[in-house]
Amino acid sequence: MPEVAERVRNLPPYLFARIEKLIEEKKAEGVDVISLGIGDPDQPTPEHICAEAAKQLYLPANHQYPSSVGMLAFRTTVAEWYARRFGVV
């Protein structure tokens, strides 16, 4: 097995691994934990969303990269949000 570089060995522990361990410890103690950690869903994706995603896979228009400038509607929405949130024009 290759030797792990010292700079990698000296990295701090991954924060979310520590949080996950703490959550599991608390659950084992019987604590009802509401995780505000990494944001990994704990509920299955709703069926209608899975069905639509599967349908979209078969549309040839979705088999290519989008324009490098992106979608105007999305860019406009993001710009409006930034203007409201941060006062950026």
N, C-alpha and C. Protein backbone atom coordinates (compact mmCIF):
# COMPACT_ATOMS: atom_id res chain seq x y z
N MET A 1 0.85 -1.18 0.00
CA MET A 1 0.00 0.00 0.00
C MET A 1 0.89 1.25 0.00
N PRO A 2 0.57 2.27 -0.81
CA PRO A 2 1.39 3.48 -0.86
C PRO A 2 1.36 4.23 0.47
N GLU A 3 2.44 4.92 0.75
CA GLU A 3 2.51 5.71 1.98
C GLU A 3 1.69 6.98 1.81
N VAL A 4 0.95 7.34 2.84
CA VAL A 4 0.14 8.56 2.81
C VAL A 4 1.04 9.74 3.17
N ALA A 5 0.95 10.80 2.39
CA ALA A 5 1.78 11.98 2.62
C ALA A 5 1.49 12.58 4.00
N GLU A 6 2.54 13.12 4.61
CA GLU A 6 2.41 13.70 5.95
C GLU A 6 1.36 14.80 5.98
N ARG A 7 1.33 15.63 4.95
CA ARG A 7 0.37 16.74 4.94
C ARG A 7 -1.07 16.22 4.92
N VAL A 8 -1.28 15.05 4.33
CA VAL A 8 -2.61 14.45 4.34
C VAL A 8 -2.89 13.86 5.72
N ARG A 9 -1.91 13.20 6.30
CA ARG A 9 -2.09 12.62 7.64
C ARG A 9 -2.38 13.71 8.68
N ASN A 10 -1.88 14.91 8.45
CA ASN A 10 -2.05 16.01 9.40
C ASN A 10 -3.32 16.82 9.20
N LEU A 11 -4.10 16.45 8.21
CA LEU A 11 -5.36 17.17 8.00
C LEU A 11 -6.28 16.94 9.20
N PRO A 12 -7.08 17.95 9.56
CA PRO A 12 -8.01 17.74 10.67
C PRO A 12 -9.09 16.74 10.26
N PRO A 13 -9.73 16.11 11.25
CA PRO A 13 -10.80 15.17 10.92
C PRO A 13 -11.92 15.86 10.14
N TYR A 14 -12.57 15.11 9.27
CA TYR A 14 -13.68 15.64 8.48
C TYR A 14 -14.83 15.97 9.43
N LEU A 15 -15.26 17.22 9.43
CA LEU A 15 -16.27 17.71 10.37
C LEU A 15 -17.54 16.87 10.34
N PHE A 16 -18.05 16.57 9.14
CA PHE A 16 -19.32 15.88 9.07
C PHE A 16 -19.22 14.42 9.49
N ALA A 17 -18.03 13.83 9.41
CA ALA A 17 -17.84 12.48 9.95
C ALA A 17 -17.98 12.53 11.47
N ARG A 18 -17.43 13.56 12.08
CA ARG A 18 -17.54 13.72 13.54
C ARG A 18 -19.00 13.96 13.94
N ILE A 19 -19.69 14.82 13.20
CA ILE A 19 -21.10 15.08 13.50
C ILE A 19 -21.92 13.80 13.36
N GLU A 20 -21.66 13.04 12.29
CA GLU A 20 -22.38 11.78 12.08
C GLU A 20 -22.15 10.82 13.25
N LYS A 21 -20.92 10.76 13.73
CA LYS A 21 -20.60 9.88 14.86
C LYS A 21 -21.36 10.33 16.11
N LEU A 22 -21.39 11.63 16.36
CA LEU A 22 -22.12 12.15 17.52
C LEU A 22 -23.61 11.85 17.43
N ILE A 23 -24.16 11.99 16.23
CA ILE A 23 -25.59 11.69 16.02
C ILE A 23 -25.87 10.23 16.34
N GLU A 24 -25.04 9.34 15.82
CA GLU A 24 -25.23 7.91 16.07
C GLU A 24 -25.10 7.59 17.55
N GLU A 25 -24.17 8.24 18.24
CA GLU A 25 -24.01 8.01 19.68
C GLU A 25 -25.26 8.44 20.43
N LYS A 26 -25.80 9.59 20.07
CA LYS A 26 -27.00 10.10 20.75
C LYS A 26 -28.21 9.21 20.46
N LYS A 27 -28.33 8.75 19.22
CA LYS A 27 -29.44 7.84 18.88
C LYS A 27 -29.33 6.55 19.69
N ALA A 28 -28.11 6.05 19.85
CA ALA A 28 -27.88 4.83 20.63
C ALA A 28 -28.27 5.04 22.10
N GLU A 29 -28.19 6.29 22.57
CA GLU A 29 -28.59 6.63 23.94
C GLU A 29 -30.10 6.84 24.05
N GLY A 30 -30.81 6.74 22.90
CA GLY A 30 -32.25 6.92 22.92
C GLY A 30 -32.72 8.34 22.66
N VAL A 31 -31.81 9.22 22.30
CA VAL A 31 -32.17 10.60 22.02
C VAL A 31 -32.80 10.69 20.63
N ASP A 32 -33.93 11.41 20.53
CA ASP A 32 -34.58 11.63 19.24
C ASP A 32 -33.86 12.81 18.57
N VAL A 33 -32.97 12.52 17.65
CA VAL A 33 -32.10 13.52 17.05
C VAL A 33 -32.72 14.11 15.79
N ILE A 34 -32.72 15.42 15.71
CA ILE A 34 -33.06 16.12 14.47
C ILE A 34 -31.73 16.63 13.92
N SER A 35 -31.26 16.01 12.86
CA SER A 35 -29.94 16.35 12.33
C SER A 35 -30.00 17.62 11.50
N LEU A 36 -29.16 18.55 11.84
CA LEU A 36 -28.99 19.76 11.04
C LEU A 36 -27.59 19.75 10.43
N GLY A 37 -27.08 18.56 10.17
CA GLY A 37 -25.73 18.36 9.66
C GLY A 37 -25.60 18.65 8.18
N ILE A 38 -25.15 17.65 7.45
CA ILE A 38 -24.72 17.82 6.07
C ILE A 38 -25.85 18.13 5.09
N GLY A 39 -27.09 17.90 5.48
CA GLY A 39 -28.20 18.18 4.58
C GLY A 39 -28.56 17.00 3.70
N ASP A 40 -28.13 15.81 4.08
CA ASP A 40 -28.45 14.60 3.33
C ASP A 40 -29.90 14.24 3.63
N PRO A 41 -30.76 14.13 2.61
CA PRO A 41 -32.17 13.85 2.87
C PRO A 41 -32.37 12.55 3.66
N ASP A 42 -33.31 12.60 4.60
CA ASP A 42 -33.63 11.39 5.35
C ASP A 42 -35.00 10.84 4.95
N GLN A 43 -35.58 11.43 3.92
CA GLN A 43 -36.86 10.98 3.38
C GLN A 43 -36.66 10.64 1.90
N PRO A 44 -37.40 9.66 1.39
CA PRO A 44 -37.26 9.34 -0.03
C PRO A 44 -37.79 10.47 -0.91
N THR A 45 -37.24 10.59 -2.10
CA THR A 45 -37.72 11.58 -3.06
C THR A 45 -39.15 11.22 -3.45
N PRO A 46 -40.06 12.21 -3.49
CA PRO A 46 -41.44 11.91 -3.86
C PRO A 46 -41.52 11.25 -5.24
N GLU A 47 -42.45 10.33 -5.37
CA GLU A 47 -42.59 9.53 -6.59
C GLU A 47 -42.77 10.39 -7.84
N HIS A 48 -43.57 11.46 -7.75
CA HIS A 48 -43.81 12.28 -8.95
C HIS A 48 -42.52 12.96 -9.43
N ILE A 49 -41.61 13.26 -8.53
CA ILE A 49 -40.34 13.86 -8.92
C ILE A 49 -39.46 12.82 -9.59
N CYS A 50 -39.41 11.62 -9.04
CA CYS A 50 -38.64 10.53 -9.66
C CYS A 50 -39.18 10.22 -11.05
N ALA A 51 -40.51 10.18 -11.18
CA ALA A 51 -41.12 9.87 -12.48
C ALA A 51 -40.77 10.93 -13.51
N GLU A 52 -40.83 12.20 -13.12
CA GLU A 52 -40.51 13.28 -14.07
C GLU A 52 -39.03 13.25 -14.45
N ALA A 53 -38.16 12.99 -13.48
CA ALA A 53 -36.73 12.90 -13.78
C ALA A 53 -36.46 11.78 -14.77
N ALA A 54 -37.11 10.63 -14.56
CA ALA A 54 -36.94 9.50 -15.48
C ALA A 54 -37.43 9.86 -16.88
N LYS A 55 -38.56 10.55 -16.95
CA LYS A 55 -39.11 10.97 -18.25
C LYS A 55 -38.14 11.90 -18.98
N GLN A 56 -37.54 12.82 -18.25
CA GLN A 56 -36.64 13.80 -18.85
C GLN A 56 -35.38 13.15 -19.41
N LEU A 57 -34.98 12.01 -18.86
CA LEU A 57 -33.78 11.32 -19.35
C LEU A 57 -33.92 10.89 -20.81
N TYR A 58 -35.14 10.67 -21.26
CA TYR A 58 -35.36 10.16 -22.61
C TYR A 58 -35.54 11.26 -23.65
N LEU A 59 -35.52 12.51 -23.25
CA LEU A 59 -35.69 13.61 -24.20
C LEU A 59 -34.33 14.01 -24.78
N PRO A 60 -34.15 13.86 -26.11
CA PRO A 60 -32.86 14.19 -26.73
C PRO A 60 -32.38 15.61 -26.43
N ALA A 61 -33.28 16.54 -26.24
CA ALA A 61 -32.86 17.92 -25.95
C ALA A 61 -32.08 18.00 -24.64
N ASN A 62 -32.26 17.00 -23.77
CA ASN A 62 -31.55 16.99 -22.49
C ASN A 62 -30.25 16.20 -22.55
N HIS A 63 -29.83 15.78 -23.74
CA HIS A 63 -28.62 14.96 -23.89
C HIS A 63 -27.41 15.79 -24.29
N GLN A 64 -27.49 17.09 -24.15
CA GLN A 64 -26.37 17.94 -24.56
C GLN A 64 -26.10 18.99 -23.49
N TYR A 65 -24.95 19.60 -23.58
CA TYR A 65 -24.62 20.65 -22.63
C TYR A 65 -25.46 21.89 -22.92
N PRO A 66 -25.81 22.64 -21.89
CA PRO A 66 -26.54 23.89 -22.11
C PRO A 66 -25.61 24.97 -22.65
N SER A 67 -26.18 26.05 -23.07
CA SER A 67 -25.41 27.20 -23.51
C SER A 67 -24.49 27.66 -22.38
N SER A 68 -23.33 28.13 -22.71
CA SER A 68 -22.38 28.58 -21.68
C SER A 68 -22.89 29.81 -20.93
N VAL A 69 -23.84 30.52 -21.51
CA VAL A 69 -24.39 31.69 -20.81
C VAL A 69 -25.55 31.31 -19.89
N GLY A 70 -25.99 30.07 -19.97
CA GLY A 70 -27.07 29.61 -19.09
C GLY A 70 -28.44 30.03 -19.60
N MET A 71 -29.44 29.77 -18.78
CA MET A 71 -30.82 30.08 -19.13
C MET A 71 -31.16 31.48 -18.64
N LEU A 72 -31.72 32.30 -19.52
CA LEU A 72 -32.05 33.68 -19.17
C LEU A 72 -32.99 33.74 -17.97
N ALA A 73 -34.01 32.89 -17.94
CA ALA A 73 -34.97 32.93 -16.83
C ALA A 73 -34.27 32.65 -15.49
N PHE A 74 -33.34 31.70 -15.48
CA PHE A 74 -32.62 31.39 -14.25
C PHE A 74 -31.71 32.55 -13.85
N ARG A 75 -30.96 33.08 -14.82
CA ARG A 75 -30.05 34.20 -14.52
C ARG A 75 -30.83 35.40 -13.99
N THR A 76 -31.98 35.67 -14.59
CA THR A 76 -32.81 36.80 -14.16
C THR A 76 -33.30 36.58 -12.73
N THR A 77 -33.76 35.39 -12.43
CA THR A 77 -34.25 35.07 -11.09
C THR A 77 -33.14 35.22 -10.05
N VAL A 78 -31.95 34.72 -10.36
CA VAL A 78 -30.82 34.83 -9.44
C VAL A 78 -30.44 36.30 -9.25
N ALA A 79 -30.41 37.07 -10.33
CA ALA A 79 -30.06 38.49 -10.24
C ALA A 79 -31.08 39.24 -9.39
N GLU A 80 -32.35 38.92 -9.55
CA GLU A 80 -33.39 39.58 -8.75
C GLU A 80 -33.25 39.23 -7.27
N TRP A 81 -32.93 37.97 -6.99
CA TRP A 81 -32.74 37.55 -5.60
C TRP A 81 -31.56 38.28 -4.98
N TYR A 82 -30.43 38.36 -5.72
CA TYR A 82 -29.26 39.07 -5.21
C TYR A 82 -29.58 40.54 -4.97
N ALA A 83 -30.36 41.14 -5.85
CA ALA A 83 -30.74 42.55 -5.68
C ALA A 83 -31.55 42.72 -4.40
N ARG A 84 -32.52 41.83 -4.18
CA ARG A 84 -33.34 41.92 -2.96
C ARG A 84 -32.52 41.61 -1.71
N ARG A 85 -31.72 40.58 -1.78
CA ARG A 85 -31.01 40.09 -0.59
C ARG A 85 -29.82 40.96 -0.21
N PHE A 86 -29.05 41.38 -1.21
CA PHE A 86 -27.80 42.08 -0.94
C PHE A 86 -27.75 43.51 -1.48
N GLY A 87 -28.80 43.94 -2.17
CA GLY A 87 -28.80 45.28 -2.75
C GLY A 87 -27.84 45.42 -3.92
N VAL A 88 -27.50 44.30 -4.56
CA VAL A 88 -26.58 44.30 -5.70
C VAL A 88 -27.37 44.57 -6.96
N VAL A 89 -26.87 45.50 -7.77
CA VAL A 89 -27.57 45.83 -9.02
C VAL A 89 -26.69 45.47 -10.20
